[in-house]
């Protein structure tokens, strides 16, 4: 149980495989957030996570913020708000 928000501890996402220890898991999460920021920037989105709460904040164009639990939910929410599917592997996404 998370002391800050009262949510149960997240069981982990497949992207966290092999990073179960606290410091390693946090480092991997911050690296993912850095990559996500670069991928989402051309679409007007950003993300934020501080490692204190288990969710990721998706920051939408216009400033709305949505809490998501994992990358699956993040992509679904981006696509829902965008109105069309995006390809995170497109070459311009990593610019």
N, C-alpha and C. Protein backbone atom coordinates (compact mmCIF):
# COMPACT_ATOMS: atom_id res chain seq x y z
N UNK A 1 0.86 -1.18 0.00
CA UNK A 1 0.00 0.00 0.00
C UNK A 1 0.90 1.23 0.00
N UNK A 2 0.55 2.17 -0.84
CA UNK A 2 1.30 3.42 -0.94
C UNK A 2 0.91 4.35 0.22
N UNK A 3 1.88 4.79 0.98
CA UNK A 3 1.60 5.68 2.10
C UNK A 3 1.13 7.05 1.65
N UNK A 4 1.57 7.48 0.47
CA UNK A 4 1.22 8.82 0.00
C UNK A 4 -0.20 8.90 -0.54
N UNK A 5 -0.62 7.88 -1.29
CA UNK A 5 -1.92 8.01 -1.97
C UNK A 5 -2.94 6.96 -1.54
N UNK A 6 -2.52 5.92 -0.80
CA UNK A 6 -3.46 4.90 -0.36
C UNK A 6 -3.76 3.85 -1.39
N UNK A 7 -3.13 3.94 -2.57
CA UNK A 7 -3.33 2.93 -3.60
C UNK A 7 -2.48 1.69 -3.30
N UNK A 8 -2.95 0.53 -3.72
CA UNK A 8 -2.10 -0.65 -3.56
C UNK A 8 -0.87 -0.52 -4.44
N UNK A 9 0.21 -1.12 -4.01
CA UNK A 9 1.44 -1.08 -4.78
C UNK A 9 1.20 -1.71 -6.14
N UNK A 10 1.67 -1.05 -7.18
CA UNK A 10 1.48 -1.56 -8.54
C UNK A 10 2.29 -2.85 -8.70
N UNK A 11 1.69 -3.88 -9.33
CA UNK A 11 2.41 -5.14 -9.50
C UNK A 11 3.55 -5.05 -10.49
N UNK A 12 3.60 -3.99 -11.25
CA UNK A 12 4.66 -3.84 -12.24
C UNK A 12 4.12 -4.10 -13.64
N UNK A 13 4.78 -3.54 -14.59
CA UNK A 13 4.42 -3.66 -15.99
C UNK A 13 5.53 -4.46 -16.64
N UNK A 14 5.26 -5.08 -17.80
CA UNK A 14 6.28 -5.91 -18.44
C UNK A 14 7.53 -5.10 -18.75
N UNK A 15 7.40 -3.77 -18.91
CA UNK A 15 8.57 -2.94 -19.20
C UNK A 15 9.52 -2.84 -18.01
N UNK A 16 9.06 -3.27 -16.84
CA UNK A 16 9.89 -3.21 -15.64
C UNK A 16 10.56 -4.54 -15.32
N UNK A 17 10.46 -5.50 -16.22
CA UNK A 17 11.05 -6.81 -15.98
C UNK A 17 12.54 -6.67 -15.68
N UNK A 18 13.00 -7.31 -14.66
CA UNK A 18 14.40 -7.29 -14.27
C UNK A 18 14.79 -6.10 -13.42
N UNK A 19 13.86 -5.19 -13.14
CA UNK A 19 14.17 -3.99 -12.35
C UNK A 19 13.32 -3.98 -11.09
N UNK A 20 13.39 -5.01 -10.30
CA UNK A 20 12.52 -5.11 -9.13
C UNK A 20 13.06 -4.42 -7.89
N UNK A 21 14.37 -4.21 -7.80
CA UNK A 21 14.91 -3.51 -6.63
C UNK A 21 14.63 -2.03 -6.73
N UNK A 22 14.37 -1.40 -5.59
CA UNK A 22 13.97 0.00 -5.53
C UNK A 22 14.75 0.96 -6.40
N UNK A 23 16.07 1.06 -6.20
CA UNK A 23 16.88 2.02 -6.95
C UNK A 23 16.92 1.73 -8.43
N UNK A 24 17.03 0.46 -8.78
CA UNK A 24 17.07 0.07 -10.19
C UNK A 24 15.72 0.36 -10.84
N UNK A 25 14.66 0.06 -10.15
CA UNK A 25 13.31 0.30 -10.68
C UNK A 25 13.06 1.79 -10.90
N UNK A 26 13.47 2.62 -9.95
CA UNK A 26 13.30 4.07 -10.10
C UNK A 26 14.12 4.61 -11.26
N UNK A 27 15.36 4.17 -11.36
CA UNK A 27 16.24 4.62 -12.44
C UNK A 27 15.63 4.25 -13.80
N UNK A 28 15.12 3.03 -13.92
CA UNK A 28 14.49 2.58 -15.17
C UNK A 28 13.24 3.40 -15.47
N UNK A 29 12.46 3.71 -14.44
CA UNK A 29 11.25 4.50 -14.63
C UNK A 29 11.61 5.91 -15.11
N UNK A 30 12.62 6.54 -14.53
CA UNK A 30 13.02 7.88 -14.95
C UNK A 30 13.56 7.87 -16.38
N UNK A 31 14.24 6.80 -16.76
CA UNK A 31 14.73 6.68 -18.13
C UNK A 31 13.55 6.55 -19.11
N UNK A 32 12.54 5.75 -18.74
CA UNK A 32 11.33 5.61 -19.56
C UNK A 32 10.63 6.96 -19.72
N UNK A 33 10.52 7.72 -18.64
CA UNK A 33 9.86 9.02 -18.68
C UNK A 33 10.62 9.95 -19.62
N UNK A 34 11.92 9.94 -19.59
CA UNK A 34 12.73 10.77 -20.48
C UNK A 34 12.46 10.43 -21.94
N UNK A 35 12.40 9.15 -22.25
CA UNK A 35 12.13 8.70 -23.62
C UNK A 35 10.71 9.08 -24.02
N UNK A 36 9.75 8.86 -23.12
CA UNK A 36 8.35 9.21 -23.42
C UNK A 36 8.19 10.69 -23.72
N UNK A 37 8.90 11.55 -23.00
CA UNK A 37 8.81 12.98 -23.26
C UNK A 37 9.22 13.31 -24.68
N UNK A 38 10.31 12.66 -25.15
CA UNK A 38 10.79 12.91 -26.52
C UNK A 38 9.81 12.36 -27.55
N UNK A 39 9.23 11.19 -27.29
CA UNK A 39 8.30 10.58 -28.23
C UNK A 39 7.00 11.37 -28.32
N UNK A 40 6.51 11.87 -27.20
CA UNK A 40 5.21 12.54 -27.16
C UNK A 40 5.26 14.02 -27.54
N UNK A 41 6.43 14.63 -27.48
CA UNK A 41 6.56 16.06 -27.75
C UNK A 41 5.99 16.49 -29.10
N UNK A 42 6.26 15.77 -30.21
CA UNK A 42 5.69 16.21 -31.50
C UNK A 42 4.17 16.20 -31.52
N UNK A 43 3.55 15.48 -30.61
CA UNK A 43 2.09 15.40 -30.56
C UNK A 43 1.50 16.39 -29.55
N UNK A 44 2.36 17.17 -28.87
CA UNK A 44 1.89 18.16 -27.91
C UNK A 44 1.66 17.63 -26.51
N UNK A 45 2.06 16.40 -26.24
CA UNK A 45 1.89 15.79 -24.93
C UNK A 45 3.22 15.76 -24.18
N UNK A 46 3.15 15.59 -22.88
CA UNK A 46 4.32 15.34 -22.06
C UNK A 46 3.91 14.39 -20.93
N UNK A 47 4.88 13.94 -20.17
CA UNK A 47 4.60 13.07 -19.03
C UNK A 47 5.43 13.53 -17.84
N UNK A 48 4.97 13.13 -16.67
CA UNK A 48 5.68 13.45 -15.43
C UNK A 48 5.48 12.31 -14.46
N UNK A 49 6.55 11.94 -13.80
CA UNK A 49 6.49 10.97 -12.71
C UNK A 49 7.61 11.32 -11.75
N UNK A 50 7.30 11.29 -10.47
CA UNK A 50 8.32 11.63 -9.48
C UNK A 50 8.80 10.42 -8.67
N UNK A 51 8.21 9.26 -8.92
CA UNK A 51 8.62 8.06 -8.19
C UNK A 51 7.96 7.92 -6.84
N UNK A 52 7.18 8.91 -6.41
CA UNK A 52 6.52 8.86 -5.11
C UNK A 52 5.18 8.15 -5.22
N UNK A 53 4.43 8.46 -6.27
CA UNK A 53 3.16 7.78 -6.49
C UNK A 53 3.34 6.80 -7.64
N UNK A 54 2.56 5.74 -7.69
CA UNK A 54 2.78 4.71 -8.71
C UNK A 54 2.32 5.09 -10.11
N UNK A 55 1.56 6.15 -10.28
CA UNK A 55 1.04 6.50 -11.58
C UNK A 55 1.97 7.44 -12.35
N UNK A 56 1.65 7.59 -13.64
CA UNK A 56 2.34 8.54 -14.52
C UNK A 56 1.32 9.62 -14.84
N UNK A 57 1.74 10.88 -14.80
CA UNK A 57 0.87 11.98 -15.20
C UNK A 57 1.07 12.24 -16.69
N UNK A 58 0.01 12.15 -17.45
CA UNK A 58 0.03 12.52 -18.85
C UNK A 58 -0.43 13.96 -18.93
N UNK A 59 0.41 14.82 -19.48
CA UNK A 59 0.09 16.23 -19.61
C UNK A 59 -0.32 16.47 -21.06
N UNK A 60 -1.57 16.84 -21.23
CA UNK A 60 -2.18 16.96 -22.57
C UNK A 60 -2.01 18.37 -23.12
N UNK A 61 -2.14 18.52 -24.45
CA UNK A 61 -2.15 19.87 -25.00
C UNK A 61 -3.26 20.68 -24.33
N UNK A 62 -2.96 21.88 -23.94
CA UNK A 62 -3.94 22.69 -23.23
C UNK A 62 -3.78 22.62 -21.73
N UNK A 63 -2.95 21.69 -21.24
CA UNK A 63 -2.64 21.63 -19.82
C UNK A 63 -3.39 20.63 -18.98
N UNK A 64 -4.38 19.94 -19.53
CA UNK A 64 -5.09 18.92 -18.74
C UNK A 64 -4.12 17.81 -18.35
N UNK A 65 -4.32 17.26 -17.15
CA UNK A 65 -3.47 16.17 -16.67
C UNK A 65 -4.33 14.96 -16.37
N UNK A 66 -3.83 13.80 -16.79
CA UNK A 66 -4.53 12.54 -16.59
C UNK A 66 -3.56 11.56 -15.94
N UNK A 67 -4.02 10.88 -14.90
CA UNK A 67 -3.20 9.86 -14.25
C UNK A 67 -3.41 8.52 -14.93
N UNK A 68 -2.33 7.86 -15.32
CA UNK A 68 -2.40 6.53 -15.92
C UNK A 68 -1.50 5.59 -15.12
N UNK A 69 -1.84 4.31 -15.14
CA UNK A 69 -1.11 3.34 -14.33
C UNK A 69 0.08 2.69 -15.03
N UNK A 70 0.06 2.65 -16.37
CA UNK A 70 1.15 1.99 -17.08
C UNK A 70 1.18 2.49 -18.52
N UNK A 71 2.11 1.95 -19.31
CA UNK A 71 2.27 2.40 -20.69
C UNK A 71 1.07 2.04 -21.56
N UNK A 72 0.44 0.92 -21.29
CA UNK A 72 -0.74 0.53 -22.05
C UNK A 72 -1.83 1.58 -21.90
N UNK A 73 -2.09 2.00 -20.68
CA UNK A 73 -3.10 3.04 -20.44
C UNK A 73 -2.65 4.38 -21.02
N UNK A 74 -1.37 4.67 -20.95
CA UNK A 74 -0.85 5.93 -21.48
C UNK A 74 -1.12 6.04 -22.98
N UNK A 75 -0.75 4.99 -23.75
CA UNK A 75 -0.97 5.04 -25.21
C UNK A 75 -2.45 5.11 -25.54
N UNK A 76 -3.28 4.38 -24.80
CA UNK A 76 -4.72 4.41 -25.06
C UNK A 76 -5.27 5.82 -24.83
N UNK A 77 -4.83 6.48 -23.77
CA UNK A 77 -5.32 7.83 -23.46
C UNK A 77 -4.82 8.85 -24.49
N UNK A 78 -3.56 8.74 -24.91
CA UNK A 78 -3.03 9.64 -25.93
C UNK A 78 -3.84 9.49 -27.22
N UNK A 79 -4.06 8.24 -27.63
CA UNK A 79 -4.81 7.99 -28.86
C UNK A 79 -6.26 8.46 -28.75
N UNK A 80 -6.85 8.27 -27.57
CA UNK A 80 -8.23 8.73 -27.37
C UNK A 80 -8.31 10.25 -27.50
N UNK A 81 -7.38 10.95 -26.90
CA UNK A 81 -7.39 12.42 -26.93
C UNK A 81 -6.95 12.95 -28.29
N UNK A 82 -6.06 12.23 -28.96
CA UNK A 82 -5.58 12.64 -30.28
C UNK A 82 -6.64 12.43 -31.34
N UNK A 83 -7.43 11.36 -31.17
CA UNK A 83 -8.46 11.04 -32.15
C UNK A 83 -7.99 10.07 -33.22
N UNK A 84 -6.73 9.69 -33.15
CA UNK A 84 -6.19 8.71 -34.10
C UNK A 84 -5.00 8.02 -33.46
N UNK A 85 -4.69 6.80 -33.91
CA UNK A 85 -3.55 6.09 -33.33
C UNK A 85 -2.22 6.77 -33.71
N UNK A 86 -1.28 6.75 -32.80
CA UNK A 86 0.06 7.26 -33.11
C UNK A 86 1.03 6.09 -33.10
N UNK A 87 2.12 6.26 -33.82
CA UNK A 87 3.15 5.24 -33.87
C UNK A 87 4.36 5.75 -33.10
N UNK A 88 4.60 5.24 -31.89
CA UNK A 88 5.71 5.74 -31.10
C UNK A 88 7.07 5.42 -31.71
N UNK A 89 7.11 4.57 -32.71
CA UNK A 89 8.38 4.20 -33.34
C UNK A 89 8.68 4.99 -34.61
N UNK A 90 7.81 5.94 -34.97
CA UNK A 90 8.05 6.77 -36.14
C UNK A 90 9.36 7.54 -35.94
N UNK A 91 10.09 7.71 -37.01
CA UNK A 91 11.40 8.36 -36.94
C UNK A 91 11.32 9.76 -36.35
N UNK A 92 10.31 10.57 -36.73
CA UNK A 92 10.23 11.94 -36.23
C UNK A 92 9.89 11.99 -34.74
N UNK A 93 9.39 10.90 -34.18
CA UNK A 93 9.00 10.89 -32.77
C UNK A 93 10.20 11.00 -31.85
N UNK A 94 11.36 10.51 -32.27
CA UNK A 94 12.53 10.50 -31.40
C UNK A 94 13.41 11.72 -31.62
N UNK A 95 13.02 12.64 -32.45
CA UNK A 95 13.84 13.82 -32.74
C UNK A 95 13.95 14.72 -31.53
